[in-house]
Amino acid sequence: MPNITKIKFLENIKTKYGEVQKLPKSLSLFDIGDTAVRLYLRHSKKHGKNQTFYGLRKEDLQQLEGKNSVICFLWNEQEEPLFIPFIDYEEVFNSLIPASDGQYKVQIYLQEDGTELYIAKAGRFNVEGFYGWDVLEGLIDKNKILKIPNFNHSQIQTFIGSIGNIKGYDIWIPMSDRNKLDSNYADILNFRDIFPVRYEKILNIIREVDVIWMTRGSSDIKAMFEVEHSTPIYSGLLRFNDLHLVEPNLKPIYNIVSNSLRKSLFLRQINRPTFITSGLIEVCNFLEYKDVFGWFNRMMKG
């Protein structure tokens, strides 16, 4: 049976950019123009709990190396394509051994609080900033690539707080950090000033977390973010690990936020035996500054 989702996607590509060339010996690799960009298309049905499953062939990924290339994840009834620049995850895949069938197993989790890419034996990564044709446009036309300023810790807190605010959450940011937020970017945030009684035994830990999203008018915590700008990645992981062990029913999405140069450090640290044993590796994402900024811009545009 023909893959209708894939067919419609390729028709859109041809309408926007002209003819595409399928690479020999592959049903999933395509070039736009004279390798203006190389596409690796993967499709999955959407399964229960809003997740999709993919296999990425090692031999296909090798044909992305050194090229201006992107992995496009497709699923049924998808509103916008998800374009993941291969260069952002090349180091991750090169550090792994594929399964016995020669494929790297990955999943996309479609969550209310940010889409996650899960790479088996590596971890979770927030990829909310990679939705939409603008991502592909930026790769094809270098003049349209988003220039990321050198943001500081407080500006990243501002972006994350604003995203949560737009999504309708109450926001916790430590009291000592609130007067440092960048008013050039932030809307008026709905701050929580105290934590519910249910968190009393972890209060000394939780109130130091850089940004927390809480369901408005409720005690439910949806997501936590530790911005590791100059502090060690390990310190944020330990804080999350303590919360995960003391309150295993808390179940927020934990996020370590830092620049792209520290992604490999996060991968080494999150794969330490202590975090594998505790299960933190299964519930903790790495989120890059540029992805936060892209996510913030998308939310501001509605």
Protein backbone atom coordinates (compact mmCIF):
# COMPACT_ATOMS: atom_id res chain seq x y z
CA MET A 1 0.00 0.00 0.00
CA PRO A 2 1.44 3.41 -0.92
CA ASN A 3 2.41 5.70 1.93
CA ILE A 4 -0.06 8.56 1.44
CA THR A 5 1.61 10.82 4.01
CA LYS A 6 4.99 10.47 2.31
CA ILE A 7 3.49 10.98 -1.16
CA LYS A 8 1.74 14.20 -0.10
CA PHE A 9 4.92 15.45 1.56
CA LEU A 10 6.97 14.90 -1.60
CA GLU A 11 4.28 16.63 -3.67
CA ASN A 12 4.58 19.64 -1.36
CA ILE A 13 8.38 19.58 -1.76
CA LYS A 14 8.05 19.57 -5.57
CA THR A 15 5.55 22.44 -5.46
CA LYS A 16 7.84 24.55 -3.28
CA TYR A 17 11.29 23.70 -4.66
CA GLY A 18 10.90 21.87 -7.96
CA GLU A 19 11.89 18.32 -8.82
CA VAL A 20 13.56 16.15 -6.19
CA GLN A 21 16.02 13.37 -6.92
CA LYS A 22 15.78 10.00 -5.17
CA LEU A 23 19.16 8.56 -4.28
CA PRO A 24 19.95 5.11 -5.73
CA LYS A 25 19.51 2.06 -3.46
CA SER A 26 17.27 3.95 -1.06
CA LEU A 27 13.53 4.62 -0.82
CA SER A 28 13.98 7.33 1.80
CA LEU A 29 16.85 9.61 0.69
CA PHE A 30 16.18 12.59 -1.61
CA ASP A 31 18.11 15.61 -2.85
CA ILE A 32 16.56 19.00 -3.52
CA GLY A 33 18.38 20.69 -6.40
CA ASP A 34 22.11 20.10 -6.66
CA THR A 35 22.25 18.85 -3.05
CA ALA A 36 20.91 22.17 -1.80
CA VAL A 37 19.64 19.98 0.98
CA ARG A 38 19.45 16.22 1.43
CA LEU A 39 16.27 14.78 2.99
CA TYR A 40 15.97 11.52 4.91
CA LEU A 41 12.26 10.72 5.19
CA ARG A 42 10.94 8.45 7.93
CA HIS A 43 7.27 7.69 8.53
CA SER A 44 5.39 6.08 11.41
CA LYS A 45 1.84 5.58 12.52
CA LYS A 46 0.89 7.43 15.69
CA HIS A 47 0.48 4.89 18.46
CA GLY A 48 -1.09 5.02 21.91
CA LYS A 49 0.20 7.69 24.30
CA ASN A 50 0.95 9.89 21.24
CA GLN A 51 4.24 8.30 20.29
CA THR A 52 5.78 7.19 17.01
CA PHE A 53 8.50 4.64 16.25
CA TYR A 54 11.26 4.80 13.65
CA GLY A 55 14.33 2.93 12.55
CA LEU A 56 17.22 4.94 11.09
CA ARG A 57 19.53 2.81 8.97
CA LYS A 58 23.22 3.33 9.64
CA GLU A 59 24.00 3.18 5.91
CA ASP A 60 21.40 5.91 5.25
CA LEU A 61 22.79 8.17 7.98
CA GLN A 62 26.26 7.75 6.48
CA GLN A 63 24.95 9.36 3.28
CA LEU A 64 23.95 12.43 5.29
CA GLU A 65 27.46 13.02 6.62
CA GLY A 66 29.16 16.10 5.23
CA LYS A 67 25.97 17.19 3.45
CA ASN A 68 23.50 19.95 4.20
CA SER A 69 21.03 17.32 5.41
CA VAL A 70 17.93 16.90 7.49
CA ILE A 71 15.93 13.99 8.92
CA CYS A 72 12.22 14.54 8.35
CA PHE A 73 9.91 12.63 10.70
CA LEU A 74 6.39 12.11 9.36
CA TRP A 75 3.25 10.59 10.86
CA ASN A 76 -0.44 10.45 10.02
CA GLU A 77 -2.53 13.61 10.50
CA GLN A 78 0.59 15.67 11.16
CA GLU A 79 -0.01 19.43 11.17
CA GLU A 80 3.58 20.43 10.29
CA PRO A 81 6.62 18.37 9.24
CA LEU A 82 9.36 17.89 11.82
CA PHE A 83 12.80 18.66 10.34
CA ILE A 84 15.83 17.64 12.43
CA PRO A 85 19.19 18.95 11.06
CA PHE A 86 21.45 15.91 10.99
CA ILE A 87 24.52 17.88 12.04
CA ASP A 88 22.89 18.57 15.41
CA TYR A 89 22.73 14.84 16.20
CA GLU A 90 25.57 13.39 14.14
CA GLU A 91 27.83 13.13 17.19
CA VAL A 92 25.08 11.34 19.12
CA PHE A 93 24.58 8.64 16.47
CA ASN A 94 28.33 8.22 15.96
CA SER A 95 28.67 7.43 19.67
CA LEU A 96 26.13 4.57 19.46
CA ILE A 97 26.08 1.02 18.09
CA PRO A 98 23.00 0.27 15.97
CA ALA A 99 20.70 -2.66 16.74
CA SER A 100 21.30 -6.06 15.14
CA ASP A 101 19.25 -5.03 12.08
CA GLY A 102 21.61 -2.09 11.43
CA GLN A 103 19.14 0.53 12.59
CA TYR A 104 19.14 3.12 15.36
CA LYS A 105 15.81 2.98 17.19
CA VAL A 106 14.18 6.34 17.84
CA GLN A 107 10.78 7.59 18.94
CA ILE A 108 8.93 10.88 18.82
CA TYR A 109 6.79 11.69 21.86
CA LEU A 110 4.04 14.19 21.02
CA GLN A 111 3.45 15.93 24.33
CA GLU A 112 1.55 19.01 25.31
CA ASP A 113 4.65 20.49 26.87
CA GLY A 114 7.06 19.99 23.99
CA THR A 115 7.83 17.32 21.40
CA GLU A 116 10.62 14.94 22.41
CA LEU A 117 13.03 12.92 20.30
CA TYR A 118 14.09 9.74 22.11
CA ILE A 119 17.21 7.98 20.82
CA ALA A 120 17.68 4.55 22.36
CA LYS A 121 20.78 4.33 24.59
CA ALA A 122 21.36 8.09 24.27
CA GLY A 123 18.45 9.92 25.86
CA ARG A 124 15.70 12.44 25.23
CA PHE A 125 15.94 15.75 23.39
CA ASN A 126 13.36 18.50 23.10
CA VAL A 127 12.78 19.20 19.39
CA GLU A 128 9.80 21.55 19.58
CA GLY A 129 11.81 24.23 17.74
CA PHE A 130 12.17 22.09 14.59
CA TYR A 131 8.57 22.11 13.35
CA GLY A 132 7.50 23.77 10.12
CA TRP A 133 8.65 24.61 6.61
CA ASP A 134 10.63 27.59 7.95
CA VAL A 135 13.21 25.13 9.31
CA LEU A 136 13.79 23.68 5.86
CA GLU A 137 13.75 27.16 4.32
CA GLY A 138 16.51 28.17 6.71
CA LEU A 139 18.64 25.21 5.68
CA ILE A 140 18.19 25.86 1.97
CA ASP A 141 18.73 29.62 2.09
CA LYS A 142 21.64 30.40 4.40
CA ASN A 143 20.56 34.04 4.57
CA LYS A 144 17.44 32.92 6.43
CA ILE A 145 19.19 30.93 9.15
CA LEU A 146 18.22 32.26 12.56
CA LYS A 147 21.17 34.06 14.14
CA ILE A 148 21.38 33.18 17.80
CA PRO A 149 22.80 35.93 20.04
CA ASN A 150 24.94 35.07 23.04
CA PHE A 151 22.14 34.80 25.58
CA ASN A 152 22.81 34.84 29.30
CA HIS A 153 21.28 32.66 32.01
CA SER A 154 18.52 35.15 32.87
CA GLN A 155 17.45 35.61 29.24
CA ILE A 156 17.05 31.86 28.80
CA GLN A 157 14.97 31.78 32.00
CA THR A 158 12.89 34.60 30.50
CA PHE A 159 12.22 32.65 27.28
CA ILE A 160 11.27 29.45 29.11
CA GLY A 161 9.04 31.34 31.54
CA SER A 162 7.34 33.16 28.65
CA ILE A 163 6.73 29.92 26.72
CA GLY A 164 5.08 28.39 29.78
CA ASN A 165 3.07 31.55 30.37
CA ILE A 166 1.74 31.53 26.78
CA LYS A 167 0.84 27.86 27.20
CA GLY A 168 -1.29 28.82 30.22
CA TYR A 169 0.87 27.67 33.12
CA ASP A 170 1.78 29.32 36.39
CA ILE A 171 5.52 29.95 36.51
CA TRP A 172 8.02 29.42 39.31
CA ILE A 173 11.37 31.16 39.06
CA PRO A 174 13.50 31.55 42.21
CA MET A 175 12.79 34.84 43.99
CA SER A 176 16.41 35.94 43.68
CA ASP A 177 16.28 35.58 39.88
CA ARG A 178 13.02 37.38 39.11
CA ASN A 179 14.43 40.90 39.03
CA LYS A 180 17.07 39.74 36.53
CA LEU A 181 14.60 38.63 33.84
CA ASP A 182 14.84 40.47 30.53
CA SER A 183 11.78 42.71 30.17
CA ASN A 184 12.58 43.19 26.47
CA TYR A 185 11.33 39.65 25.87
CA ALA A 186 9.01 38.71 28.74
CA ASP A 187 5.30 39.12 28.90
CA ILE A 188 3.84 39.59 32.38
CA LEU A 189 4.39 36.18 33.95
CA ASN A 190 1.92 34.47 36.27
CA PHE A 191 4.33 33.69 39.08
CA ARG A 192 3.72 31.26 41.89
CA ASP A 193 5.07 32.71 45.11
CA ILE A 194 4.67 29.65 47.34
CA PHE A 195 4.58 25.90 46.79
CA PRO A 196 1.64 23.73 47.86
CA VAL A 197 1.97 21.81 51.15
CA ARG A 198 2.39 18.53 49.23
CA TYR A 199 5.95 19.61 48.30
CA GLU A 200 7.05 20.48 51.84
CA LYS A 201 9.56 17.65 52.19
CA ILE A 202 11.36 18.63 48.96
CA LEU A 203 10.94 22.38 49.34
CA ASN A 204 14.65 23.09 49.84
CA ILE A 205 15.41 21.39 46.51
CA ILE A 206 12.47 22.39 44.35
CA ARG A 207 12.57 26.12 45.06
CA GLU A 208 16.09 26.29 43.56
CA VAL A 209 15.01 24.93 40.17
CA ASP A 210 15.50 27.64 37.52
CA VAL A 211 12.05 27.42 35.90
CA ILE A 212 8.98 25.32 36.75
CA TRP A 213 5.68 25.13 34.86
CA MET A 214 2.64 24.36 37.03
CA THR A 215 -0.95 23.80 35.96
CA ARG A 216 -2.67 27.10 36.70
CA GLY A 217 -4.61 26.97 39.95
CA SER A 218 -3.34 23.46 40.70
CA SER A 219 -0.46 21.83 42.54
CA ASP A 220 0.52 19.72 39.51
CA ILE A 221 4.01 20.31 38.13
CA LYS A 222 4.26 19.78 34.36
CA ALA A 223 7.89 20.59 33.55
CA MET A 224 11.15 21.64 35.22
CA PHE A 225 14.13 23.36 33.61
CA GLU A 226 17.68 23.74 34.90
CA VAL A 227 19.68 26.30 32.89
CA GLU A 228 23.33 25.23 33.06
CA HIS A 229 25.03 28.30 31.63
CA SER A 230 28.33 28.09 33.48
CA THR A 231 27.50 25.65 36.29
CA PRO A 232 28.25 21.92 35.86
CA ILE A 233 25.68 19.81 34.01
CA TYR A 234 26.08 17.27 36.78
CA SER A 235 24.71 19.63 39.44
CA GLY A 236 21.39 20.00 37.59
CA LEU A 237 21.15 16.25 37.05
CA LEU A 238 21.75 15.60 40.75
CA ARG A 239 18.99 18.03 41.71
CA PHE A 240 16.58 16.34 39.32
CA ASN A 241 17.70 12.92 40.53
CA ASP A 242 16.99 13.84 44.16
CA LEU A 243 13.49 15.01 43.21
CA HIS A 244 12.91 11.90 41.10
CA LEU A 245 13.94 9.59 43.95
CA VAL A 246 12.14 11.39 46.76
CA GLU A 247 8.95 12.04 44.76
CA PRO A 248 8.71 9.30 42.09
CA ASN A 249 5.03 10.11 41.52
CA LEU A 250 5.83 13.73 40.63
CA LYS A 251 6.45 12.80 36.97
CA PRO A 252 7.22 16.17 35.34
CA ILE A 253 9.35 16.50 32.23
CA TYR A 254 12.88 17.27 33.42
CA ASN A 255 15.01 19.45 31.12
CA ILE A 256 18.70 20.35 31.23
CA VAL A 257 19.11 23.54 29.17
CA SER A 258 22.50 24.60 27.82
CA ASN A 259 24.43 25.46 24.67
CA SER A 260 25.16 22.97 21.91
CA LEU A 261 28.78 22.51 22.98
CA ARG A 262 27.61 20.83 26.18
CA LYS A 263 25.31 18.25 24.59
CA SER A 264 28.04 15.59 24.52
CA LEU A 265 28.78 16.27 28.20
CA PHE A 266 25.09 15.80 29.01
CA LEU A 267 25.10 12.46 27.18
CA ARG A 268 28.12 11.23 29.14
CA GLN A 269 26.64 12.32 32.45
CA ILE A 270 23.06 11.08 31.95
CA ASN A 271 24.44 7.66 31.01
CA ARG A 272 26.23 7.27 34.34
CA PRO A 273 25.09 4.15 36.25
CA THR A 274 23.44 6.21 39.00
CA PHE A 275 21.05 7.92 36.57
CA ILE A 276 20.38 4.71 34.65
CA THR A 277 19.55 2.89 37.89
CA SER A 278 17.31 5.68 39.19
CA GLY A 279 15.48 5.92 35.85
CA LEU A 280 16.28 9.63 35.40
CA ILE A 281 17.71 8.87 31.95
CA GLU A 282 14.19 7.94 30.80
CA VAL A 283 12.55 11.21 31.87
CA CYS A 284 15.23 13.88 31.36
CA ASN A 285 15.71 15.92 28.15
CA PHE A 286 18.53 18.04 26.82
CA LEU A 287 17.32 21.37 25.38
CA GLU A 288 19.67 23.69 23.47
CA TYR A 289 19.56 27.48 23.72
CA LYS A 290 18.85 27.82 20.00
CA ASP A 291 15.89 25.44 20.34
CA VAL A 292 14.53 27.47 23.27
CA PHE A 293 14.84 30.63 21.18
CA GLY A 294 13.14 28.98 18.18
CA TRP A 295 10.35 27.66 20.39
CA PHE A 296 9.89 31.11 21.96
CA ASN A 297 9.66 32.76 18.52
CA ARG A 298 7.10 30.22 17.33
CA MET A 299 4.96 30.77 20.43
CA MET A 300 5.15 34.57 20.06
CA LYS A 301 3.96 34.25 16.46
CA GLY A 302 0.97 32.20 17.64
